[in-house]
């Protein structure tokens, strides 16, 4: 199965996710937070920098849990701006 190329919206969403995770991590080290989430520090680095703009759902859940970010807060922060998908009349 071939994966469809990422859109600019996908990339922007990934950048918002990365920024939120970086902010929530604060002064904690990448290896510390990655270990808490059960992922590698390199995976966390790629997510935070937007190089992996669409991480697996369970990876996002593990990071949100480790950083104590409610999933609804994460979803709201990373959602596309209102009206972005509206079709012109």
PDB file of N, CA and C in Angstrom:
ATOM      1  N   UNK A   1       0.844  -1.177   0.000  1.00  0.00           N
ATOM      2  CA  UNK A   1       0.000   0.000   0.000  1.00  0.00           C
ATOM      3  C   UNK A   1       0.887   1.237   0.000  1.00  0.00           C
ATOM      4  N   UNK A   2       0.572   2.159  -0.880  1.00  0.00           N
ATOM      5  CA  UNK A   2       1.333   3.396  -0.985  1.00  0.00           C
ATOM      6  C   UNK A   2       0.611   4.473  -0.200  1.00  0.00           C
ATOM      7  N   UNK A   3       1.369   5.172   0.619  1.00  0.00           N
ATOM      8  CA  UNK A   3       0.787   6.241   1.426  1.00  0.00           C
ATOM      9  C   UNK A   3       0.713   7.522   0.607  1.00  0.00           C
ATOM     10  N   UNK A   4      -0.402   8.228   0.714  1.00  0.00           N
ATOM     11  CA  UNK A   4      -0.570   9.492   0.005  1.00  0.00           C
ATOM     12  C   UNK A   4       0.413  10.521   0.563  1.00  0.00           C
ATOM     13  N   UNK A   5       0.921  11.397  -0.282  1.00  0.00           N
ATOM     14  CA  UNK A   5       1.830  12.437   0.199  1.00  0.00           C
ATOM     15  C   UNK A   5       1.148  13.335   1.230  1.00  0.00           C
ATOM     16  N   UNK A   6       1.933  13.843   2.148  1.00  0.00           N
ATOM     17  CA  UNK A   6       1.382  14.736   3.163  1.00  0.00           C
ATOM     18  C   UNK A   6       1.048  16.083   2.540  1.00  0.00           C
ATOM     19  N   UNK A   7      -0.042  16.652   2.990  1.00  0.00           N
ATOM     20  CA  UNK A   7      -0.463  17.965   2.516  1.00  0.00           C
ATOM     21  C   UNK A   7       0.177  19.043   3.390  1.00  0.00           C
ATOM     22  N   UNK A   8       0.131  20.289   2.947  1.00  0.00           N
ATOM     23  CA  UNK A   8       0.607  21.381   3.801  1.00  0.00           C
ATOM     24  C   UNK A   8      -0.151  21.436   5.131  1.00  0.00           C
ATOM     25  N   UNK A   9      -1.433  21.081   5.119  1.00  0.00           N
ATOM     26  CA  UNK A   9      -2.206  21.054   6.368  1.00  0.00           C
ATOM     27  C   UNK A   9      -1.676  19.972   7.314  1.00  0.00           C
ATOM     28  N   UNK A  10      -1.321  18.807   6.765  1.00  0.00           N
ATOM     29  CA  UNK A  10      -0.742  17.734   7.580  1.00  0.00           C
ATOM     30  C   UNK A  10       0.550  18.207   8.232  1.00  0.00           C
ATOM     31  N   UNK A  11       1.379  18.866   7.460  1.00  0.00           N
ATOM     32  CA  UNK A  11       2.662  19.342   7.987  1.00  0.00           C
ATOM     33  C   UNK A  11       2.460  20.416   9.051  1.00  0.00           C
ATOM     34  N   UNK A  12       1.528  21.330   8.821  1.00  0.00           N
ATOM     35  CA  UNK A  12       1.255  22.390   9.802  1.00  0.00           C
ATOM     36  C   UNK A  12       0.716  21.796  11.104  1.00  0.00           C
ATOM     37  N   UNK A  13      -0.147  20.793  10.987  1.00  0.00           N
ATOM     38  CA  UNK A  13      -0.687  20.108  12.164  1.00  0.00           C
ATOM     39  C   UNK A  13       0.447  19.449  12.957  1.00  0.00           C
ATOM     40  N   UNK A  14       1.384  18.832  12.248  1.00  0.00           N
ATOM     41  CA  UNK A  14       2.536  18.209  12.887  1.00  0.00           C
ATOM     42  C   UNK A  14       3.425  19.228  13.590  1.00  0.00           C
ATOM     43  N   UNK A  15       3.570  20.395  12.992  1.00  0.00           N
ATOM     44  CA  UNK A  15       4.363  21.459  13.624  1.00  0.00           C
ATOM     45  C   UNK A  15       3.688  21.950  14.901  1.00  0.00           C
ATOM     46  N   UNK A  16       2.365  22.071  14.875  1.00  0.00           N
ATOM     47  CA  UNK A  16       1.643  22.485  16.090  1.00  0.00           C
ATOM     48  C   UNK A  16       1.781  21.432  17.183  1.00  0.00           C
ATOM     49  N   UNK A  17       1.711  20.154  16.806  1.00  0.00           N
ATOM     50  CA  UNK A  17       1.891  19.076  17.773  1.00  0.00           C
ATOM     51  C   UNK A  17       3.285  19.145  18.388  1.00  0.00           C
ATOM     52  N   UNK A  18       4.298  19.284  17.546  1.00  0.00           N
ATOM     53  CA  UNK A  18       5.672  19.358  18.033  1.00  0.00           C
ATOM     54  C   UNK A  18       5.883  20.517  18.988  1.00  0.00           C
ATOM     55  N   UNK A  19       5.326  21.679  18.648  1.00  0.00           N
ATOM     56  CA  UNK A  19       5.474  22.857  19.507  1.00  0.00           C
ATOM     57  C   UNK A  19       4.802  22.632  20.857  1.00  0.00           C
ATOM     58  N   UNK A  20       3.624  22.031  20.850  1.00  0.00           N
ATOM     59  CA  UNK A  20       2.916  21.754  22.102  1.00  0.00           C
ATOM     60  C   UNK A  20       3.716  20.783  22.970  1.00  0.00           C
ATOM     61  N   UNK A  21       4.258  19.751  22.365  1.00  0.00           N
ATOM     62  CA  UNK A  21       5.037  18.775  23.125  1.00  0.00           C
ATOM     63  C   UNK A  21       6.307  19.402  23.703  1.00  0.00           C
ATOM     64  N   UNK A  22       6.989  20.226  22.905  1.00  0.00           N
ATOM     65  CA  UNK A  22       8.198  20.912  23.390  1.00  0.00           C
ATOM     66  C   UNK A  22       7.871  21.799  24.578  1.00  0.00           C
ATOM     67  N   UNK A  23       6.780  22.547  24.442  1.00  0.00           N
ATOM     68  CA  UNK A  23       6.369  23.449  25.525  1.00  0.00           C
ATOM     69  C   UNK A  23       6.019  22.656  26.790  1.00  0.00           C
ATOM     70  N   UNK A  24       5.281  21.578  26.631  1.00  0.00           N
ATOM     71  CA  UNK A  24       4.872  20.772  27.782  1.00  0.00           C
ATOM     72  C   UNK A  24       6.068  20.057  28.419  1.00  0.00           C
ATOM     73  N   UNK A  25       7.064  19.724  27.615  1.00  0.00           N
ATOM     74  CA  UNK A  25       8.253  19.052  28.153  1.00  0.00           C
ATOM     75  C   UNK A  25       9.032  19.983  29.065  1.00  0.00           C
ATOM     76  N   UNK A  26       8.998  21.282  28.764  1.00  0.00           N
ATOM     77  CA  UNK A  26       9.663  22.270  29.611  1.00  0.00           C
ATOM     78  C   UNK A  26      11.145  21.990  29.752  1.00  0.00           C
ATOM     79  N   UNK A  27      11.603  21.893  30.995  1.00  0.00           N
ATOM     80  CA  UNK A  27      13.029  21.694  31.262  1.00  0.00           C
ATOM     81  C   UNK A  27      13.421  20.222  31.333  1.00  0.00           C
ATOM     82  N   UNK A  28      12.430  19.339  31.214  1.00  0.00           N
ATOM     83  CA  UNK A  28      12.751  17.910  31.233  1.00  0.00           C
ATOM     84  C   UNK A  28      13.506  17.534  29.959  1.00  0.00           C
ATOM     85  N   UNK A  29      14.413  16.603  30.080  1.00  0.00           N
ATOM     86  CA  UNK A  29      15.212  16.206  28.915  1.00  0.00           C
ATOM     87  C   UNK A  29      14.383  15.321  27.970  1.00  0.00           C
ATOM     88  N   UNK A  30      14.809  15.329  26.720  1.00  0.00           N
ATOM     89  CA  UNK A  30      14.155  14.450  25.733  1.00  0.00           C
ATOM     90  C   UNK A  30      14.255  12.990  26.139  1.00  0.00           C
ATOM     91  N   UNK A  31      15.443  12.510  26.538  1.00  0.00           N
ATOM     92  CA  UNK A  31      15.524  11.099  26.928  1.00  0.00           C
ATOM     93  C   UNK A  31      14.609  10.753  28.105  1.00  0.00           C
ATOM     94  N   UNK A  32      14.457  11.665  29.059  1.00  0.00           N
ATOM     95  CA  UNK A  32      13.587  11.419  30.211  1.00  0.00           C
ATOM     96  C   UNK A  32      12.134  11.263  29.777  1.00  0.00           C
ATOM     97  N   UNK A  33      11.650  12.203  28.976  1.00  0.00           N
ATOM     98  CA  UNK A  33      10.251  12.164  28.537  1.00  0.00           C
ATOM     99  C   UNK A  33      10.028  10.983  27.598  1.00  0.00           C
ATOM    100  N   UNK A  34      10.978  10.737  26.699  1.00  0.00           N
ATOM    101  CA  UNK A  34      10.846   9.604  25.776  1.00  0.00           C
ATOM    102  C   UNK A  34      10.745   8.295  26.550  1.00  0.00           C
ATOM    103  N   UNK A  35      11.579   8.137  27.567  1.00  0.00           N
ATOM    104  CA  UNK A  35      11.533   6.910  28.378  1.00  0.00           C
ATOM    105  C   UNK A  35      10.192   6.775  29.077  1.00  0.00           C
ATOM    106  N   UNK A  36       9.661   7.873  29.578  1.00  0.00           N
ATOM    107  CA  UNK A  36       8.350   7.838  30.244  1.00  0.00           C
ATOM    108  C   UNK A  36       7.258   7.395  29.270  1.00  0.00           C
ATOM    109  N   UNK A  37       7.406   7.781  28.002  1.00  0.00           N
ATOM    110  CA  UNK A  37       6.406   7.442  26.983  1.00  0.00           C
ATOM    111  C   UNK A  37       6.683   6.102  26.316  1.00  0.00           C
ATOM    112  N   UNK A  38       7.844   5.521  26.577  1.00  0.00           N
ATOM    113  CA  UNK A  38       8.175   4.241  25.964  1.00  0.00           C
ATOM    114  C   UNK A  38       8.597   4.343  24.510  1.00  0.00           C
ATOM    115  N   UNK A  39       9.174   5.492  24.136  1.00  0.00           N
ATOM    116  CA  UNK A  39       9.670   5.675  22.769  1.00  0.00           C
ATOM    117  C   UNK A  39      11.129   6.097  22.842  1.00  0.00           C
ATOM    118  N   UNK A  40      11.786   6.143  21.706  1.00  0.00           N
ATOM    119  CA  UNK A  40      13.178   6.580  21.699  1.00  0.00           C
ATOM    120  C   UNK A  40      13.256   8.102  21.713  1.00  0.00           C
ATOM    121  N   UNK A  41      14.365   8.607  22.220  1.00  0.00           N
ATOM    122  CA  UNK A  41      14.583  10.060  22.216  1.00  0.00           C
ATOM    123  C   UNK A  41      14.622  10.581  20.783  1.00  0.00           C
ATOM    124  N   UNK A  42      15.144   9.777  19.858  1.00  0.00           N
ATOM    125  CA  UNK A  42      15.191  10.196  18.456  1.00  0.00           C
ATOM    126  C   UNK A  42      13.783  10.334  17.872  1.00  0.00           C
ATOM    127  N   UNK A  43      12.882   9.434  18.231  1.00  0.00           N
ATOM    128  CA  UNK A  43      11.498   9.557  17.768  1.00  0.00           C
ATOM    129  C   UNK A  43      10.874  10.827  18.316  1.00  0.00           C
ATOM    130  N   UNK A  44      11.081  11.109  19.591  1.00  0.00           N
ATOM    131  CA  UNK A  44      10.550  12.343  20.183  1.00  0.00           C
ATOM    132  C   UNK A  44      11.138  13.555  19.480  1.00  0.00           C
ATOM    133  N   UNK A  45      12.431  13.533  19.210  1.00  0.00           N
ATOM    134  CA  UNK A  45      13.086  14.657  18.517  1.00  0.00           C
ATOM    135  C   UNK A  45      12.442  14.888  17.150  1.00  0.00           C
ATOM    136  N   UNK A  46      12.193  13.804  16.421  1.00  0.00           N
ATOM    137  CA  UNK A  46      11.587  13.927  15.087  1.00  0.00           C
ATOM    138  C   UNK A  46      10.171  14.476  15.170  1.00  0.00           C
ATOM    139  N   UNK A  47       9.421  14.062  16.173  1.00  0.00           N
ATOM    140  CA  UNK A  47       8.055  14.564  16.330  1.00  0.00           C
ATOM    141  C   UNK A  47       8.085  16.044  16.708  1.00  0.00           C
ATOM    142  N   UNK A  48       8.941  16.397  17.664  1.00  0.00           N
ATOM    143  CA  UNK A  48       9.014  17.794  18.108  1.00  0.00           C
ATOM    144  C   UNK A  48       9.462  18.744  17.008  1.00  0.00           C
ATOM    145  N   UNK A  49      10.299  18.267  16.110  1.00  0.00           N
ATOM    146  CA  UNK A  49      10.796  19.139  15.043  1.00  0.00           C
ATOM    147  C   UNK A  49       9.935  19.085  13.782  1.00  0.00           C
ATOM    148  N   UNK A  50       8.895  18.265  13.783  1.00  0.00           N
ATOM    149  CA  UNK A  50       8.007  18.182  12.633  1.00  0.00           C
ATOM    150  C   UNK A  50       8.480  17.238  11.544  1.00  0.00           C
ATOM    151  N   UNK A  51       9.582  16.538  11.775  1.00  0.00           N
ATOM    152  CA  UNK A  51      10.060  15.582  10.769  1.00  0.00           C
ATOM    153  C   UNK A  51       9.165  14.359  10.696  1.00  0.00           C
ATOM    154  N   UNK A  52       8.396  14.105  11.741  1.00  0.00           N
ATOM    155  CA  UNK A  52       7.358  13.065  11.737  1.00  0.00           C
ATOM    156  C   UNK A  52       6.050  13.790  12.068  1.00  0.00           C
ATOM    157  N   UNK A  53       5.405  14.380  11.055  1.00  0.00           N
ATOM    158  CA  UNK A  53       4.215  15.184  11.318  1.00  0.00           C
ATOM    159  C   UNK A  53       2.955  14.379  11.628  1.00  0.00           C
ATOM    160  N   UNK A  54       2.978  13.073  11.348  1.00  0.00           N
ATOM    161  CA  UNK A  54       1.801  12.251  11.616  1.00  0.00           C
ATOM    162  C   UNK A  54       2.216  11.004  12.398  1.00  0.00           C
ATOM    163  N   UNK A  55       2.622  11.186  13.663  1.00  0.00           N
ATOM    164  CA  UNK A  55       3.032  10.013  14.453  1.00  0.00           C
ATOM    165  C   UNK A  55       1.852   9.094  14.710  1.00  0.00           C
ATOM    166  N   UNK A  56       2.151   7.856  15.041  1.00  0.00           N
ATOM    167  CA  UNK A  56       1.118   6.870  15.336  1.00  0.00           C
ATOM    168  C   UNK A  56       0.268   7.328  16.524  1.00  0.00           C
ATOM    169  N   UNK A  57      -0.993   6.987  16.479  1.00  0.00           N
ATOM    170  CA  UNK A  57      -1.939   7.375  17.521  1.00  0.00           C
ATOM    171  C   UNK A  57      -1.442   6.987  18.912  1.00  0.00           C
ATOM    172  N   UNK A  58      -0.984   5.751  19.068  1.00  0.00           N
ATOM    173  CA  UNK A  58      -0.574   5.297  20.394  1.00  0.00           C
ATOM    174  C   UNK A  58       0.701   5.993  20.868  1.00  0.00           C
ATOM    175  N   UNK A  59       1.518   6.458  19.950  1.00  0.00           N
ATOM    176  CA  UNK A  59       2.687   7.258  20.321  1.00  0.00           C
ATOM    177  C   UNK A  59       2.239   8.601  20.868  1.00  0.00           C
ATOM    178  N   UNK A  60       1.271   9.212  20.203  1.00  0.00           N
ATOM    179  CA  UNK A  60       0.739  10.493  20.669  1.00  0.00           C
ATOM    180  C   UNK A  60       0.091  10.325  22.037  1.00  0.00           C
ATOM    181  N   UNK A  61      -0.681   9.268  22.220  1.00  0.00           N
ATOM    182  CA  UNK A  61      -1.328   9.010  23.512  1.00  0.00           C
ATOM    183  C   UNK A  61      -0.275   8.819  24.597  1.00  0.00           C
ATOM    184  N   UNK A  62       0.782   8.068  24.307  1.00  0.00           N
ATOM    185  CA  UNK A  62       1.839   7.833  25.296  1.00  0.00           C
ATOM    186  C   UNK A  62       2.530   9.137  25.675  1.00  0.00           C
ATOM    187  N   UNK A  63       2.785   9.990  24.699  1.00  0.00           N
ATOM    188  CA  UNK A  63       3.417  11.280  24.999  1.00  0.00           C
ATOM    189  C   UNK A  63       2.480  12.184  25.784  1.00  0.00           C
ATOM    190  N   UNK A  64       1.221  12.218  25.400  1.00  0.00           N
ATOM    191  CA  UNK A  64       0.256  13.044  26.126  1.00  0.00           C
ATOM    192  C   UNK A  64       0.147  12.580  27.575  1.00  0.00           C
ATOM    193  N   UNK A  65       0.151  11.283  27.788  1.00  0.00           N
ATOM    194  CA  UNK A  65       0.078  10.739  29.144  1.00  0.00           C
ATOM    195  C   UNK A  65       1.334  11.104  29.933  1.00  0.00           C
ATOM    196  N   UNK A  66       2.491  10.918  29.332  1.00  0.00           N
ATOM    197  CA  UNK A  66       3.753  11.221  30.015  1.00  0.00           C
ATOM    198  C   UNK A  66       3.855  12.702  30.373  1.00  0.00           C
ATOM    199  N   UNK A  67       3.318  13.565  29.507  1.00  0.00           N
ATOM    200  CA  UNK A  67       3.407  15.010  29.725  1.00  0.00           C
ATOM    201  C   UNK A  67       2.171  15.586  30.404  1.00  0.00           C
ATOM    202  N   UNK A  68       1.228  14.702  30.741  1.00  0.00           N
ATOM    203  CA  UNK A  68      -0.012  15.100  31.413  1.00  0.00           C
ATOM    204  C   UNK A  68      -0.792  16.153  30.622  1.00  0.00           C
ATOM    205  N   UNK A  69      -0.901  15.887  29.313  1.00  0.00           N
ATOM    206  CA  UNK A  69      -1.702  16.732  28.428  1.00  0.00           C
ATOM    207  C   UNK A  69      -2.996  15.987  28.142  1.00  0.00           C
ATOM    208  N   UNK A  70      -4.138  16.532  28.538  1.00  0.00           N
ATOM    209  CA  UNK A  70      -5.400  15.864  28.197  1.00  0.00           C
ATOM    210  C   UNK A  70      -5.546  15.746  26.673  1.00  0.00           C
ATOM    211  N   UNK A  71      -6.050  14.614  26.224  1.00  0.00           N
ATOM    212  CA  UNK A  71      -6.172  14.401  24.781  1.00  0.00           C
ATOM    213  C   UNK A  71      -7.065  15.429  24.107  1.00  0.00           C
ATOM    214  N   UNK A  72      -8.097  15.898  24.793  1.00  0.00           N
ATOM    215  CA  UNK A  72      -8.950  16.911  24.166  1.00  0.00           C
ATOM    216  C   UNK A  72      -8.190  18.219  23.988  1.00  0.00           C
ATOM    217  N   UNK A  73      -7.320  18.559  24.922  1.00  0.00           N
ATOM    218  CA  UNK A  73      -6.492  19.760  24.794  1.00  0.00           C
ATOM    219  C   UNK A  73      -5.543  19.605  23.612  1.00  0.00           C
ATOM    220  N   UNK A  74      -4.933  18.452  23.507  1.00  0.00           N
ATOM    221  CA  UNK A  74      -4.020  18.181  22.405  1.00  0.00           C
ATOM    222  C   UNK A  74      -4.758  18.276  21.068  1.00  0.00           C
ATOM    223  N   UNK A  75      -5.934  17.688  20.989  1.00  0.00           N
ATOM    224  CA  UNK A  75      -6.708  17.714  19.750  1.00  0.00           C
ATOM    225  C   UNK A  75      -7.105  19.139  19.371  1.00  0.00           C
ATOM    226  N   UNK A  76      -7.539  19.916  20.345  1.00  0.00           N
ATOM    227  CA  UNK A  76      -7.922  21.310  20.069  1.00  0.00           C
ATOM    228  C   UNK A  76      -6.727  22.122  19.584  1.00  0.00           C
ATOM    229  N   UNK A  77      -5.583  21.926  20.212  1.00  0.00           N
ATOM    230  CA  UNK A  77      -4.388  22.682  19.862  1.00  0.00           C
ATOM    231  C   UNK A  77      -3.905  22.347  18.451  1.00  0.00           C
ATOM    232  N   UNK A  78      -4.043  21.097  18.059  1.00  0.00           N
ATOM    233  CA  UNK A  78      -3.505  20.648  16.779  1.00  0.00           C
ATOM    234  C   UNK A  78      -4.520  20.694  15.641  1.00  0.00           C
ATOM    235  N   UNK A  79      -5.764  20.995  15.941  1.00  0.00           N
ATOM    236  CA  UNK A  79      -6.817  21.005  14.913  1.00  0.00           C
ATOM    237  C   UNK A  79      -6.542  22.077  13.863  1.00  0.00           C
ATOM    238  N   UNK A  80      -7.080  21.842  12.676  1.00  0.00           N
ATOM    239  CA  UNK A  80      -6.983  22.840  11.615  1.00  0.00           C
ATOM    240  C   UNK A  80      -7.803  24.062  12.006  1.00  0.00           C
ATOM    241  N   UNK A  81      -7.405  25.237  11.521  1.00  0.00           N
ATOM    242  CA  UNK A  81      -8.183  26.444  11.809  1.00  0.00           C
ATOM    243  C   UNK A  81      -9.622  26.295  11.313  1.00  0.00           C
ATOM    244  N   UNK A  82     -10.582  26.913  11.997  1.00  0.00           N
ATOM    245  CA  UNK A  82     -11.985  26.816  11.563  1.00  0.00           C
ATOM    246  C   UNK A  82     -12.152  27.298  10.121  1.00  0.00           C
ATOM    247  N   UNK A  83     -12.990  26.589   9.397  1.00  0.00           N
ATOM    248  CA  UNK A  83     -13.328  26.978   8.037  1.00  0.00           C
ATOM    249  C   UNK A  83     -12.304  26.591   6.988  1.00  0.00           C
ATOM    250  N   UNK A  84     -11.224  25.962   7.379  1.00  0.00           N
ATOM    251  CA  UNK A  84     -10.161  25.636   6.431  1.00  0.00           C
ATOM    252  C   UNK A  84     -10.634  24.642   5.372  1.00  0.00           C
ATOM    253  N   UNK A  85     -11.598  23.804   5.710  1.00  0.00           N
ATOM    254  CA  UNK A  85     -12.074  22.778   4.779  1.00  0.00           C
ATOM    255  C   UNK A  85     -13.389  23.145   4.115  1.00  0.00           C
ATOM    256  N   UNK A  86     -13.839  24.377   4.285  1.00  0.00           N
ATOM    257  CA  UNK A  86     -15.099  24.784   3.664  1.00  0.00           C
ATOM    258  C   UNK A  86     -14.944  24.905   2.164  1.00  0.00           C
ATOM    259  N   UNK A  87     -15.948  24.449   1.463  1.00  0.00           N
ATOM    260  CA  UNK A  87     -15.961  24.529   0.015  1.00  0.00           C
ATOM    261  C   UNK A  87     -16.632  25.847  -0.374  1.00  0.00           C
ATOM    262  N   UNK A  88     -15.989  26.631  -1.254  1.00  0.00           N
ATOM    263  CA  UNK A  88     -16.598  27.910  -1.653  1.00  0.00           C
ATOM    264  C   UNK A  88     -17.950  27.700  -2.316  1.00  0.00           C
ATOM    265  N   UNK A  89     -18.863  28.612  -2.073  1.00  0.00           N
ATOM    266  CA  UNK A  89     -20.227  28.506  -2.636  1.00  0.00           C
ATOM    267  C   UNK A  89     -20.261  28.914  -4.084  1.00  0.00           C
TER     268      UNK A  89
END
